[in-house]
Amino acid sequence: MPGDAPGGPRLKFSQDQRLKQSWEFERARREGQRLVSGCLILNWRFSDDQKTSRLGVVTSKKIGNAVVRARARRLLREVFRLHQHDFKEVADMVLIARNSIAAKAYADVERDFLRAVKQAKLC
């Protein structure tokens, strides 16, 4: 396919793959489904009008200071970026970090994410 890297599909996380508006987050929460898995909560809504899956990340001040919240957002975005081509269907996803993410390593966050998307039958 054009645009694919020589070793496989490109693993980027571009601006058009992000949920940006508050109504997009609200629509995924209101019209979609919800699943709790370890250090994260996954809200998703299947989307017919998009070409690729999109992601929004929510980190509350309950998690910790700005450094901890930024790390949580980076971990969640990275997990999505690396596994975005594993999804069977296009969906808008909102990942909500739970308090326990502050003490988790990348491998733990990845395991919780993969468990959630498998239970949701997204991949």
PDB file of N, CA and C in Angstrom:
ATOM      1  N   MET A   1       0.835  -1.176   0.000  1.00  0.00           N
ATOM      2  CA  MET A   1       0.000   0.000   0.000  1.00  0.00           C
ATOM      3  C   MET A   1       0.877   1.236   0.000  1.00  0.00           C
ATOM      4  N   PRO A   2       0.507   2.284  -0.728  1.00  0.00           N
ATOM      5  CA  PRO A   2       1.310   3.496  -0.688  1.00  0.00           C
ATOM      6  C   PRO A   2       1.256   4.116   0.707  1.00  0.00           C
ATOM      7  N   GLY A   3       2.362   4.654   1.142  1.00  0.00           N
ATOM      8  CA  GLY A   3       2.412   5.258   2.465  1.00  0.00           C
ATOM      9  C   GLY A   3       2.880   4.311   3.557  1.00  0.00           C
ATOM     10  N   ASP A   4       2.891   3.007   3.229  1.00  0.00           N
ATOM     11  CA  ASP A   4       3.381   2.039   4.212  1.00  0.00           C
ATOM     12  C   ASP A   4       4.905   2.065   4.223  1.00  0.00           C
ATOM     13  N   ALA A   5       5.459   1.863   5.381  1.00  0.00           N
ATOM     14  CA  ALA A   5       6.908   1.798   5.512  1.00  0.00           C
ATOM     15  C   ALA A   5       7.399   0.475   4.939  1.00  0.00           C
ATOM     16  N   PRO A   6       8.683   0.379   4.584  1.00  0.00           N
ATOM     17  CA  PRO A   6       9.199  -0.873   4.016  1.00  0.00           C
ATOM     18  C   PRO A   6       8.981  -2.079   4.921  1.00  0.00           C
ATOM     19  N   GLY A   7       9.025  -1.907   6.231  1.00  0.00           N
ATOM     20  CA  GLY A   7       8.858  -3.015   7.151  1.00  0.00           C
ATOM     21  C   GLY A   7       7.416  -3.300   7.513  1.00  0.00           C
ATOM     22  N   GLY A   8       6.472  -2.541   7.002  1.00  0.00           N
ATOM     23  CA  GLY A   8       5.066  -2.712   7.330  1.00  0.00           C
ATOM     24  C   GLY A   8       4.366  -1.374   7.389  1.00  0.00           C
ATOM     25  N   PRO A   9       3.173  -1.326   7.972  1.00  0.00           N
ATOM     26  CA  PRO A   9       2.430  -0.068   8.023  1.00  0.00           C
ATOM     27  C   PRO A   9       3.129   0.952   8.910  1.00  0.00           C
ATOM     28  N   ARG A  10       2.951   2.222   8.593  1.00  0.00           N
ATOM     29  CA  ARG A  10       3.562   3.292   9.376  1.00  0.00           C
ATOM     30  C   ARG A  10       2.880   3.388  10.729  1.00  0.00           C
ATOM     31  N   LEU A  11       3.673   3.563  11.737  1.00  0.00           N
ATOM     32  CA  LEU A  11       3.155   3.651  13.100  1.00  0.00           C
ATOM     33  C   LEU A  11       3.210   5.094  13.556  1.00  0.00           C
ATOM     34  N   LYS A  12       2.332   5.908  13.010  1.00  0.00           N
ATOM     35  CA  LYS A  12       2.290   7.310  13.402  1.00  0.00           C
ATOM     36  C   LYS A  12       1.010   7.590  14.162  1.00  0.00           C
ATOM     37  N   PHE A  13       0.991   8.704  14.829  1.00  0.00           N
ATOM     38  CA  PHE A  13      -0.197   9.141  15.547  1.00  0.00           C
ATOM     39  C   PHE A  13      -0.423  10.593  15.166  1.00  0.00           C
ATOM     40  N   SER A  14      -1.099  10.799  14.051  1.00  0.00           N
ATOM     41  CA  SER A  14      -1.258  12.137  13.487  1.00  0.00           C
ATOM     42  C   SER A  14      -2.421  12.890  14.128  1.00  0.00           C
ATOM     43  N   GLN A  15      -2.526  14.156  13.781  1.00  0.00           N
ATOM     44  CA  GLN A  15      -3.560  15.019  14.340  1.00  0.00           C
ATOM     45  C   GLN A  15      -4.971  14.538  13.981  1.00  0.00           C
ATOM     46  N   ASP A  16      -5.134  13.935  12.801  1.00  0.00           N
ATOM     47  CA  ASP A  16      -6.469  13.476  12.412  1.00  0.00           C
ATOM     48  C   ASP A  16      -6.871  12.186  13.116  1.00  0.00           C
ATOM     49  N   GLN A  17      -5.981  11.604  13.908  1.00  0.00           N
ATOM     50  CA  GLN A  17      -6.299  10.410  14.687  1.00  0.00           C
ATOM     51  C   GLN A  17      -6.637  10.756  16.131  1.00  0.00           C
ATOM     52  N   ARG A  18      -6.745  12.037  16.441  1.00  0.00           N
ATOM     53  CA  ARG A  18      -7.014  12.458  17.814  1.00  0.00           C
ATOM     54  C   ARG A  18      -8.433  12.994  17.954  1.00  0.00           C
ATOM     55  N   LEU A  19      -9.059  12.664  19.064  1.00  0.00           N
ATOM     56  CA  LEU A  19     -10.320  13.308  19.421  1.00  0.00           C
ATOM     57  C   LEU A  19      -9.932  14.619  20.089  1.00  0.00           C
ATOM     58  N   LYS A  20     -10.479  15.726  19.602  1.00  0.00           N
ATOM     59  CA  LYS A  20     -10.061  17.021  20.114  1.00  0.00           C
ATOM     60  C   LYS A  20     -11.192  17.793  20.794  1.00  0.00           C
ATOM     61  N   GLN A  21     -12.363  17.686  20.245  1.00  0.00           N
ATOM     62  CA  GLN A  21     -13.484  18.471  20.748  1.00  0.00           C
ATOM     63  C   GLN A  21     -14.175  17.752  21.902  1.00  0.00           C
ATOM     64  N   SER A  22     -14.683  18.534  22.850  1.00  0.00           N
ATOM     65  CA  SER A  22     -15.346  17.925  24.010  1.00  0.00           C
ATOM     66  C   SER A  22     -16.582  17.132  23.588  1.00  0.00           C
ATOM     67  N   TRP A  23     -17.265  17.560  22.526  1.00  0.00           N
ATOM     68  CA  TRP A  23     -18.451  16.822  22.087  1.00  0.00           C
ATOM     69  C   TRP A  23     -18.076  15.452  21.528  1.00  0.00           C
ATOM     70  N   GLU A  24     -16.857  15.304  20.984  1.00  0.00           N
ATOM     71  CA  GLU A  24     -16.418  13.996  20.496  1.00  0.00           C
ATOM     72  C   GLU A  24     -16.189  13.034  21.666  1.00  0.00           C
ATOM     73  N   PHE A  25     -15.594  13.529  22.736  1.00  0.00           N
ATOM     74  CA  PHE A  25     -15.410  12.723  23.940  1.00  0.00           C
ATOM     75  C   PHE A  25     -16.766  12.343  24.527  1.00  0.00           C
ATOM     76  N   GLU A  26     -17.656  13.318  24.588  1.00  0.00           N
ATOM     77  CA  GLU A  26     -18.990  13.089  25.154  1.00  0.00           C
ATOM     78  C   GLU A  26     -19.776  12.087  24.316  1.00  0.00           C
ATOM     79  N   ARG A  27     -19.677  12.179  22.998  1.00  0.00           N
ATOM     80  CA  ARG A  27     -20.399  11.248  22.127  1.00  0.00           C
ATOM     81  C   ARG A  27     -19.888   9.817  22.309  1.00  0.00           C
ATOM     82  N   ALA A  28     -18.576   9.654  22.457  1.00  0.00           N
ATOM     83  CA  ALA A  28     -18.022   8.313  22.685  1.00  0.00           C
ATOM     84  C   ALA A  28     -18.517   7.762  24.019  1.00  0.00           C
ATOM     85  N   ARG A  29     -18.646   8.619  25.016  1.00  0.00           N
ATOM     86  CA  ARG A  29     -19.118   8.173  26.326  1.00  0.00           C
ATOM     87  C   ARG A  29     -20.615   7.874  26.288  1.00  0.00           C
ATOM     88  N   ARG A  30     -21.383   8.746  25.663  1.00  0.00           N
ATOM     89  CA  ARG A  30     -22.832   8.619  25.665  1.00  0.00           C
ATOM     90  C   ARG A  30     -23.330   7.506  24.745  1.00  0.00           C
ATOM     91  N   GLU A  31     -22.805   7.443  23.514  1.00  0.00           N
ATOM     92  CA  GLU A  31     -23.306   6.490  22.523  1.00  0.00           C
ATOM     93  C   GLU A  31     -22.527   5.174  22.506  1.00  0.00           C
ATOM     94  N   GLY A  32     -21.369   5.161  23.125  1.00  0.00           N
ATOM     95  CA  GLY A  32     -20.509   3.994  23.040  1.00  0.00           C
ATOM     96  C   GLY A  32     -20.638   3.053  24.217  1.00  0.00           C
ATOM     97  N   GLN A  33     -19.647   2.216  24.366  1.00  0.00           N
ATOM     98  CA  GLN A  33     -19.609   1.231  25.434  1.00  0.00           C
ATOM     99  C   GLN A  33     -18.409   1.514  26.320  1.00  0.00           C
ATOM    100  N   ARG A  34     -18.394   0.892  27.505  1.00  0.00           N
ATOM    101  CA  ARG A  34     -17.373   1.182  28.507  1.00  0.00           C
ATOM    102  C   ARG A  34     -16.851  -0.116  29.085  1.00  0.00           C
ATOM    103  N   LEU A  35     -15.536  -0.127  29.347  1.00  0.00           N
ATOM    104  CA  LEU A  35     -14.895  -1.303  29.901  1.00  0.00           C
ATOM    105  C   LEU A  35     -13.741  -0.862  30.796  1.00  0.00           C
ATOM    106  N   VAL A  36     -13.650  -1.449  31.991  1.00  0.00           N
ATOM    107  CA  VAL A  36     -12.569  -1.143  32.926  1.00  0.00           C
ATOM    108  C   VAL A  36     -11.564  -2.289  32.871  1.00  0.00           C
ATOM    109  N   SER A  37     -10.288  -1.925  32.731  1.00  0.00           N
ATOM    110  CA  SER A  37      -9.235  -2.934  32.672  1.00  0.00           C
ATOM    111  C   SER A  37      -7.986  -2.393  33.361  1.00  0.00           C
ATOM    112  N   GLY A  38      -7.737  -2.856  34.564  1.00  0.00           N
ATOM    113  CA  GLY A  38      -6.525  -2.472  35.280  1.00  0.00           C
ATOM    114  C   GLY A  38      -6.401  -0.975  35.507  1.00  0.00           C
ATOM    115  N   CYS A  39      -5.385  -0.370  34.892  1.00  0.00           N
ATOM    116  CA  CYS A  39      -5.078   1.035  35.137  1.00  0.00           C
ATOM    117  C   CYS A  39      -5.782   1.983  34.171  1.00  0.00           C
ATOM    118  N   LEU A  40      -6.741   1.485  33.383  1.00  0.00           N
ATOM    119  CA  LEU A  40      -7.421   2.370  32.436  1.00  0.00           C
ATOM    120  C   LEU A  40      -8.886   1.984  32.261  1.00  0.00           C
ATOM    121  N   ILE A  41      -9.634   2.938  31.759  1.00  0.00           N
ATOM    122  CA  ILE A  41     -11.033   2.735  31.385  1.00  0.00           C
ATOM    123  C   ILE A  41     -11.119   3.024  29.891  1.00  0.00           C
ATOM    124  N   LEU A  42     -11.734   2.126  29.155  1.00  0.00           N
ATOM    125  CA  LEU A  42     -11.876   2.279  27.711  1.00  0.00           C
ATOM    126  C   LEU A  42     -13.332   2.555  27.375  1.00  0.00           C
ATOM    127  N   ASN A  43     -13.571   3.704  26.754  1.00  0.00           N
ATOM    128  CA  ASN A  43     -14.871   4.010  26.164  1.00  0.00           C
ATOM    129  C   ASN A  43     -14.667   3.962  24.657  1.00  0.00           C
ATOM    130  N   TRP A  44     -15.548   3.295  23.933  1.00  0.00           N
ATOM    131  CA  TRP A  44     -15.403   3.237  22.487  1.00  0.00           C
ATOM    132  C   TRP A  44     -16.756   3.300  21.822  1.00  0.00           C
ATOM    133  N   ARG A  45     -16.716   3.794  20.594  1.00  0.00           N
ATOM    134  CA  ARG A  45     -17.897   3.908  19.758  1.00  0.00           C
ATOM    135  C   ARG A  45     -17.466   3.608  18.338  1.00  0.00           C
ATOM    136  N   PHE A  46     -18.109   2.634  17.697  1.00  0.00           N
ATOM    137  CA  PHE A  46     -17.771   2.314  16.313  1.00  0.00           C
ATOM    138  C   PHE A  46     -18.156   3.487  15.428  1.00  0.00           C
ATOM    139  N   SER A  47     -17.318   3.768  14.448  1.00  0.00           N
ATOM    140  CA  SER A  47     -17.499   4.944  13.609  1.00  0.00           C
ATOM    141  C   SER A  47     -17.503   4.535  12.138  1.00  0.00           C
ATOM    142  N   ASP A  48     -18.556   4.895  11.434  1.00  0.00           N
ATOM    143  CA  ASP A  48     -18.655   4.582  10.010  1.00  0.00           C
ATOM    144  C   ASP A  48     -18.109   5.710   9.144  1.00  0.00           C
ATOM    145  N   ASP A  49     -18.024   6.908   9.701  1.00  0.00           N
ATOM    146  CA  ASP A  49     -17.640   8.063   8.901  1.00  0.00           C
ATOM    147  C   ASP A  49     -16.147   8.377   8.951  1.00  0.00           C
ATOM    148  N   GLN A  50     -15.343   7.559   9.614  1.00  0.00           N
ATOM    149  CA  GLN A  50     -13.899   7.793   9.727  1.00  0.00           C
ATOM    150  C   GLN A  50     -13.132   6.734   8.948  1.00  0.00           C
ATOM    151  N   LYS A  51     -11.919   7.095   8.524  1.00  0.00           N
ATOM    152  CA  LYS A  51     -11.048   6.147   7.824  1.00  0.00           C
ATOM    153  C   LYS A  51     -10.185   5.366   8.797  1.00  0.00           C
ATOM    154  N   THR A  52      -9.793   6.011   9.901  1.00  0.00           N
ATOM    155  CA  THR A  52      -8.935   5.363  10.892  1.00  0.00           C
ATOM    156  C   THR A  52      -9.536   5.538  12.280  1.00  0.00           C
ATOM    157  N   SER A  53      -9.103   4.694  13.184  1.00  0.00           N
ATOM    158  CA  SER A  53      -9.535   4.828  14.576  1.00  0.00           C
ATOM    159  C   SER A  53      -8.929   6.089  15.168  1.00  0.00           C
ATOM    160  N   ARG A  54      -9.677   6.706  16.070  1.00  0.00           N
ATOM    161  CA  ARG A  54      -9.199   7.928  16.717  1.00  0.00           C
ATOM    162  C   ARG A  54      -9.158   7.717  18.223  1.00  0.00           C
ATOM    163  N   LEU A  55      -8.287   8.478  18.877  1.00  0.00           N
ATOM    164  CA  LEU A  55      -8.068   8.319  20.308  1.00  0.00           C
ATOM    165  C   LEU A  55      -8.155   9.653  21.022  1.00  0.00           C
ATOM    166  N   GLY A  56      -8.768   9.612  22.192  1.00  0.00           N
ATOM    167  CA  GLY A  56      -8.744  10.730  23.127  1.00  0.00           C
ATOM    168  C   GLY A  56      -8.303  10.189  24.473  1.00  0.00           C
ATOM    169  N   VAL A  57      -7.532  10.975  25.202  1.00  0.00           N
ATOM    170  CA  VAL A  57      -6.999  10.540  26.494  1.00  0.00           C
ATOM    171  C   VAL A  57      -7.443  11.525  27.559  1.00  0.00           C
ATOM    172  N   VAL A  58      -7.892  10.990  28.700  1.00  0.00           N
ATOM    173  CA  VAL A  58      -8.318  11.812  29.831  1.00  0.00           C
ATOM    174  C   VAL A  58      -7.478  11.441  31.038  1.00  0.00           C
ATOM    175  N   THR A  59      -6.861  12.455  31.649  1.00  0.00           N
ATOM    176  CA  THR A  59      -6.115  12.247  32.891  1.00  0.00           C
ATOM    177  C   THR A  59      -6.592  13.284  33.898  1.00  0.00           C
ATOM    178  N   SER A  60      -7.050  12.816  35.019  1.00  0.00           N
ATOM    179  CA  SER A  60      -7.588  13.695  36.039  1.00  0.00           C
ATOM    180  C   SER A  60      -6.495  14.121  37.016  1.00  0.00           C
ATOM    181  N   LYS A  61      -6.720  15.190  37.722  1.00  0.00           N
ATOM    182  CA  LYS A  61      -5.757  15.653  38.721  1.00  0.00           C
ATOM    183  C   LYS A  61      -5.642  14.686  39.892  1.00  0.00           C
ATOM    184  N   LYS A  62      -6.579  13.766  40.013  1.00  0.00           N
ATOM    185  CA  LYS A  62      -6.515  12.760  41.080  1.00  0.00           C
ATOM    186  C   LYS A  62      -5.326  11.816  40.895  1.00  0.00           C
ATOM    187  N   ILE A  63      -4.847  11.695  39.664  1.00  0.00           N
ATOM    188  CA  ILE A  63      -3.737  10.794  39.366  1.00  0.00           C
ATOM    189  C   ILE A  63      -2.435  11.299  39.984  1.00  0.00           C
ATOM    190  N   GLY A  64      -2.233  12.601  39.922  1.00  0.00           N
ATOM    191  CA  GLY A  64      -0.996  13.164  40.454  1.00  0.00           C
ATOM    192  C   GLY A  64      -0.725  14.528  39.847  1.00  0.00           C
ATOM    193  N   ASN A  65       0.511  14.986  40.002  1.00  0.00           N
ATOM    194  CA  ASN A  65       0.866  16.308  39.489  1.00  0.00           C
ATOM    195  C   ASN A  65       0.996  16.280  37.962  1.00  0.00           C
ATOM    196  N   ALA A  66       1.379  17.402  37.380  1.00  0.00           N
ATOM    197  CA  ALA A  66       1.431  17.535  35.925  1.00  0.00           C
ATOM    198  C   ALA A  66       2.399  16.543  35.288  1.00  0.00           C
ATOM    199  N   VAL A  67       3.498  16.263  35.954  1.00  0.00           N
ATOM    200  CA  VAL A  67       4.482  15.324  35.413  1.00  0.00           C
ATOM    201  C   VAL A  67       3.888  13.919  35.319  1.00  0.00           C
ATOM    202  N   VAL A  68       3.191  13.507  36.352  1.00  0.00           N
ATOM    203  CA  VAL A  68       2.582  12.170  36.382  1.00  0.00           C
ATOM    204  C   VAL A  68       1.480  12.073  35.333  1.00  0.00           C
ATOM    205  N   ARG A  69       0.656  13.114  35.211  1.00  0.00           N
ATOM    206  CA  ARG A  69      -0.422  13.106  34.218  1.00  0.00           C
ATOM    207  C   ARG A  69       0.131  13.079  32.800  1.00  0.00           C
ATOM    208  N   ALA A  70       1.190  13.839  32.544  1.00  0.00           N
ATOM    209  CA  ALA A  70       1.798  13.859  31.206  1.00  0.00           C
ATOM    210  C   ALA A  70       2.382  12.488  30.865  1.00  0.00           C
ATOM    211  N   ARG A  71       3.001  11.837  31.818  1.00  0.00           N
ATOM    212  CA  ARG A  71       3.551  10.495  31.590  1.00  0.00           C
ATOM    213  C   ARG A  71       2.435   9.514  31.277  1.00  0.00           C
ATOM    214  N   ALA A  72       1.321   9.617  32.003  1.00  0.00           N
ATOM    215  CA  ALA A  72       0.179   8.729  31.757  1.00  0.00           C
ATOM    216  C   ALA A  72      -0.358   8.941  30.341  1.00  0.00           C
ATOM    217  N   ARG A  73      -0.472  10.187  29.914  1.00  0.00           N
ATOM    218  CA  ARG A  73      -0.945  10.465  28.557  1.00  0.00           C
ATOM    219  C   ARG A  73       0.016   9.904  27.511  1.00  0.00           C
ATOM    220  N   ARG A  74       1.310  10.065  27.728  1.00  0.00           N
ATOM    221  CA  ARG A  74       2.304   9.530  26.790  1.00  0.00           C
ATOM    222  C   ARG A  74       2.219   8.006  26.693  1.00  0.00           C
ATOM    223  N   LEU A  75       2.078   7.351  27.825  1.00  0.00           N
ATOM    224  CA  LEU A  75       1.977   5.885  27.824  1.00  0.00           C
ATOM    225  C   LEU A  75       0.750   5.424  27.048  1.00  0.00           C
ATOM    226  N   LEU A  76      -0.385   6.048  27.298  1.00  0.00           N
ATOM    227  CA  LEU A  76      -1.627   5.631  26.641  1.00  0.00           C
ATOM    228  C   LEU A  76      -1.585   5.902  25.139  1.00  0.00           C
ATOM    229  N   ARG A  77      -1.046   7.052  24.746  1.00  0.00           N
ATOM    230  CA  ARG A  77      -0.935   7.348  23.314  1.00  0.00           C
ATOM    231  C   ARG A  77       0.026   6.390  22.615  1.00  0.00           C
ATOM    232  N   GLU A  78       1.123   6.044  23.283  1.00  0.00           N
ATOM    233  CA  GLU A  78       2.107   5.146  22.690  1.00  0.00           C
ATOM    234  C   GLU A  78       1.535   3.740  22.495  1.00  0.00           C
ATOM    235  N   VAL A  79       0.788   3.257  23.465  1.00  0.00           N
ATOM    236  CA  VAL A  79       0.168   1.938  23.332  1.00  0.00           C
ATOM    237  C   VAL A  79      -0.786   1.932  22.143  1.00  0.00           C
ATOM    238  N   PHE A  80      -1.583   2.981  22.026  1.00  0.00           N
ATOM    239  CA  PHE A  80      -2.502   3.079  20.887  1.00  0.00           C
ATOM    240  C   PHE A  80      -1.725   3.140  19.574  1.00  0.00           C
ATOM    241  N   ARG A  81      -0.687   3.950  19.519  1.00  0.00           N
ATOM    242  CA  ARG A  81       0.096   4.131  18.296  1.00  0.00           C
ATOM    243  C   ARG A  81       0.679   2.800  17.807  1.00  0.00           C
ATOM    244  N   LEU A  82       1.215   2.016  18.715  1.00  0.00           N
ATOM    245  CA  LEU A  82       1.849   0.762  18.325  1.00  0.00           C
ATOM    246  C   LEU A  82       0.853  -0.324  17.929  1.00  0.00           C
ATOM    247  N   HIS A  83      -0.378  -0.224  18.393  1.00  0.00           N
ATOM    248  CA  HIS A  83      -1.365  -1.277  18.126  1.00  0.00           C
ATOM    249  C   HIS A  83      -2.525  -0.801  17.257  1.00  0.00           C
ATOM    250  N   GLN A  84      -2.431   0.373  16.664  1.00  0.00           N
ATOM    251  CA  GLN A  84      -3.543   0.931  15.897  1.00  0.00           C
ATOM    252  C   GLN A  84      -3.917   0.095  14.670  1.00  0.00           C
ATOM    253  N   HIS A  85      -2.980  -0.640  14.116  1.00  0.00           N
ATOM    254  CA  HIS A  85      -3.277  -1.431  12.914  1.00  0.00           C
ATOM    255  C   HIS A  85      -3.828  -2.817  13.253  1.00  0.00           C
ATOM    256  N   ASP A  86      -3.950  -3.129  14.536  1.00  0.00           N
ATOM    257  CA  ASP A  86      -4.503  -4.412  14.959  1.00  0.00           C
ATOM    258  C   ASP A  86      -6.030  -4.387  15.048  1.00  0.00           C
ATOM    259  N   PHE A  87      -6.634  -3.211  14.959  1.00  0.00           N
ATOM    260  CA  PHE A  87      -8.078  -3.095  15.138  1.00  0.00           C
ATOM    261  C   PHE A  87      -8.823  -3.610  13.914  1.00  0.00           C
ATOM    262  N   LYS A  88      -9.899  -4.368  14.167  1.00  0.00           N
ATOM    263  CA  LYS A  88     -10.711  -4.915  13.084  1.00  0.00           C
ATOM    264  C   LYS A  88     -11.637  -3.864  12.502  1.00  0.00           C
ATOM    265  N   GLU A  89     -12.141  -2.983  13.368  1.00  0.00           N
ATOM    266  CA  GLU A  89     -13.098  -1.972  12.931  1.00  0.00           C
ATOM    267  C   GLU A  89     -12.623  -0.597  13.357  1.00  0.00           C
ATOM    268  N   VAL A  90     -13.094   0.404  12.644  1.00  0.00           N
ATOM    269  CA  VAL A  90     -12.755   1.792  12.963  1.00  0.00           C
ATOM    270  C   VAL A  90     -13.620   2.241  14.138  1.00  0.00           C
ATOM    271  N   ALA A  91     -12.975   2.817  15.144  1.00  0.00           N
ATOM    272  CA  ALA A  91     -13.704   3.240  16.339  1.00  0.00           C
ATOM    273  C   ALA A  91     -13.091   4.509  16.902  1.00  0.00           C
ATOM    274  N   ASP A  92     -13.920   5.294  17.565  1.00  0.00           N
ATOM    275  CA  ASP A  92     -13.452   6.410  18.375  1.00  0.00           C
ATOM    276  C   ASP A  92     -13.282   5.876  19.784  1.00  0.00           C
ATOM    277  N   MET A  93     -12.088   6.033  20.346  1.00  0.00           N
ATOM    278  CA  MET A  93     -11.788   5.505  21.677  1.00  0.00           C
ATOM    279  C   MET A  93     -11.388   6.629  22.607  1.00  0.00           C
ATOM    280  N   VAL A  94     -11.856   6.534  23.829  1.00  0.00           N
ATOM    281  CA  VAL A  94     -11.419   7.437  24.887  1.00  0.00           C
ATOM    282  C   VAL A  94     -10.818   6.567  25.980  1.00  0.00           C
ATOM    283  N   LEU A  95      -9.544   6.807  26.283  1.00  0.00           N
ATOM    284  CA  LEU A  95      -8.865   6.103  27.363  1.00  0.00           C
ATOM    285  C   LEU A  95      -8.793   7.032  28.561  1.00  0.00           C
ATOM    286  N   ILE A  96      -9.303   6.563  29.678  1.00  0.00           N
ATOM    287  CA  ILE A  96      -9.281   7.331  30.920  1.00  0.00           C
ATOM    288  C   ILE A  96      -8.299   6.651  31.858  1.00  0.00           C
ATOM    289  N   ALA A  97      -7.289   7.395  32.273  1.00  0.00           N
ATOM    290  CA  ALA A  97      -6.273   6.847  33.168  1.00  0.00           C
ATOM    291  C   ALA A  97      -6.833   6.775  34.584  1.00  0.00           C
ATOM    292  N   ARG A  98      -6.574   5.665  35.236  1.00  0.00           N
ATOM    293  CA  ARG A  98      -6.969   5.502  36.636  1.00  0.00           C
ATOM    294  C   ARG A  98      -5.758   5.784  37.528  1.00  0.00           C
ATOM    295  N   ASN A  99      -6.004   5.954  38.823  1.00  0.00           N
ATOM    296  CA  ASN A  99      -4.941   6.313  39.764  1.00  0.00           C
ATOM    297  C   ASN A  99      -3.761   5.361  39.720  1.00  0.00           C
ATOM    298  N   SER A 100      -4.010   4.090  39.488  1.00  0.00           N
ATOM    299  CA  SER A 100      -2.950   3.087  39.531  1.00  0.00           C
ATOM    300  C   SER A 100      -1.939   3.221  38.396  1.00  0.00           C
ATOM    301  N   ILE A 101      -2.224   4.021  37.372  1.00  0.00           N
ATOM    302  CA  ILE A 101      -1.306   4.143  36.241  1.00  0.00           C
ATOM    303  C   ILE A 101      -0.003   4.820  36.651  1.00  0.00           C
ATOM    304  N   ALA A 102      -0.032   5.598  37.710  1.00  0.00           N
ATOM    305  CA  ALA A 102       1.163   6.330  38.138  1.00  0.00           C
ATOM    306  C   ALA A 102       2.313   5.393  38.488  1.00  0.00           C
ATOM    307  N   ALA A 103       2.014   4.214  38.985  1.00  0.00           N
ATOM    308  CA  ALA A 103       3.058   3.276  39.405  1.00  0.00           C
ATOM    309  C   ALA A 103       3.337   2.200  38.358  1.00  0.00           C
ATOM    310  N   LYS A 104       2.704   2.277  37.202  1.00  0.00           N
ATOM    311  CA  LYS A 104       2.825   1.218  36.195  1.00  0.00           C
ATOM    312  C   LYS A 104       3.941   1.506  35.202  1.00  0.00           C
ATOM    313  N   ALA A 105       4.559   0.443  34.732  1.00  0.00           N
ATOM    314  CA  ALA A 105       5.530   0.524  33.643  1.00  0.00           C
ATOM    315  C   ALA A 105       4.777   0.389  32.323  1.00  0.00           C
ATOM    316  N   TYR A 106       5.485   0.665  31.221  1.00  0.00           N
ATOM    317  CA  TYR A 106       4.860   0.589  29.905  1.00  0.00           C
ATOM    318  C   TYR A 106       4.258  -0.788  29.649  1.00  0.00           C
ATOM    319  N   ALA A 107       4.969  -1.847  29.989  1.00  0.00           N
ATOM    320  CA  ALA A 107       4.497  -3.211  29.730  1.00  0.00           C
ATOM    321  C   ALA A 107       3.177  -3.487  30.452  1.00  0.00           C
ATOM    322  N   ASP A 108       3.018  -2.955  31.660  1.00  0.00           N
ATOM    323  CA  ASP A 108       1.775  -3.152  32.413  1.00  0.00           C
ATOM    324  C   ASP A 108       0.614  -2.409  31.752  1.00  0.00           C
ATOM    325  N   VAL A 109       0.873  -1.191  31.299  1.00  0.00           N
ATOM    326  CA  VAL A 109      -0.163  -0.399  30.623  1.00  0.00           C
ATOM    327  C   VAL A 109      -0.547  -1.082  29.313  1.00  0.00           C
ATOM    328  N   GLU A 110       0.433  -1.576  28.593  1.00  0.00           N
ATOM    329  CA  GLU A 110       0.163  -2.267  27.336  1.00  0.00           C
ATOM    330  C   GLU A 110      -0.683  -3.521  27.570  1.00  0.00           C
ATOM    331  N   ARG A 111      -0.363  -4.277  28.598  1.00  0.00           N
ATOM    332  CA  ARG A 111      -1.121  -5.491  28.913  1.00  0.00           C
ATOM    333  C   ARG A 111      -2.581  -5.141  29.228  1.00  0.00           C
ATOM    334  N   ASP A 112      -2.801  -4.089  30.032  1.00  0.00           N
ATOM    335  CA  ASP A 112      -4.172  -3.674  30.363  1.00  0.00           C
ATOM    336  C   ASP A 112      -4.917  -3.193  29.126  1.00  0.00           C
ATOM    337  N   PHE A 113      -4.233  -2.456  28.246  1.00  0.00           N
ATOM    338  CA  PHE A 113      -4.861  -1.962  27.024  1.00  0.00           C
ATOM    339  C   PHE A 113      -5.261  -3.121  26.113  1.00  0.00           C
ATOM    340  N   LEU A 114      -4.339  -4.060  25.909  1.00  0.00           N
ATOM    341  CA  LEU A 114      -4.632  -5.194  25.027  1.00  0.00           C
ATOM    342  C   LEU A 114      -5.754  -6.063  25.586  1.00  0.00           C
ATOM    343  N   ARG A 115      -5.779  -6.228  26.894  1.00  0.00           N
ATOM    344  CA  ARG A 115      -6.868  -6.991  27.517  1.00  0.00           C
ATOM    345  C   ARG A 115      -8.202  -6.283  27.269  1.00  0.00           C
ATOM    346  N   ALA A 116      -8.214  -4.959  27.392  1.00  0.00           N
ATOM    347  CA  ALA A 116      -9.457  -4.201  27.189  1.00  0.00           C
ATOM    348  C   ALA A 116      -9.941  -4.290  25.754  1.00  0.00           C
ATOM    349  N   VAL A 117      -9.050  -4.086  24.781  1.00  0.00           N
ATOM    350  CA  VAL A 117      -9.503  -4.111  23.382  1.00  0.00           C
ATOM    351  C   VAL A 117      -9.904  -5.516  22.951  1.00  0.00           C
ATOM    352  N   LYS A 118      -9.305  -6.532  23.521  1.00  0.00           N
ATOM    353  CA  LYS A 118      -9.730  -7.913  23.209  1.00  0.00           C
ATOM    354  C   LYS A 118     -11.095  -8.212  23.804  1.00  0.00           C
ATOM    355  N   GLN A 119     -11.336  -7.756  25.037  1.00  0.00           N
ATOM    356  CA  GLN A 119     -12.662  -7.955  25.643  1.00  0.00           C
ATOM    357  C   GLN A 119     -13.728  -7.178  24.875  1.00  0.00           C
ATOM    358  N   ALA A 120     -13.350  -6.016  24.339  1.00  0.00           N
ATOM    359  CA  ALA A 120     -14.288  -5.197  23.563  1.00  0.00           C
ATOM    360  C   ALA A 120     -14.453  -5.705  22.143  1.00  0.00           C
ATOM    361  N   LYS A 121     -13.665  -6.727  21.778  1.00  0.00           N
ATOM    362  CA  LYS A 121     -13.686  -7.310  20.430  1.00  0.00           C
ATOM    363  C   LYS A 121     -13.342  -6.274  19.361  1.00  0.00           C
ATOM    364  N   LEU A 122     -12.383  -5.394  19.702  1.00  0.00           N
ATOM    365  CA  LEU A 122     -11.910  -4.400  18.734  1.00  0.00           C
ATOM    366  C   LEU A 122     -10.758  -4.947  17.895  1.00  0.00           C
ATOM    367  N   CYS A 123     -10.049  -5.968  18.394  1.00  0.00           N
ATOM    368  CA  CYS A 123      -8.959  -6.554  17.612  1.00  0.00           C
ATOM    369  C   CYS A 123      -8.952  -8.065  17.760  1.00  0.00           C
TER     370      CYS A 123
END
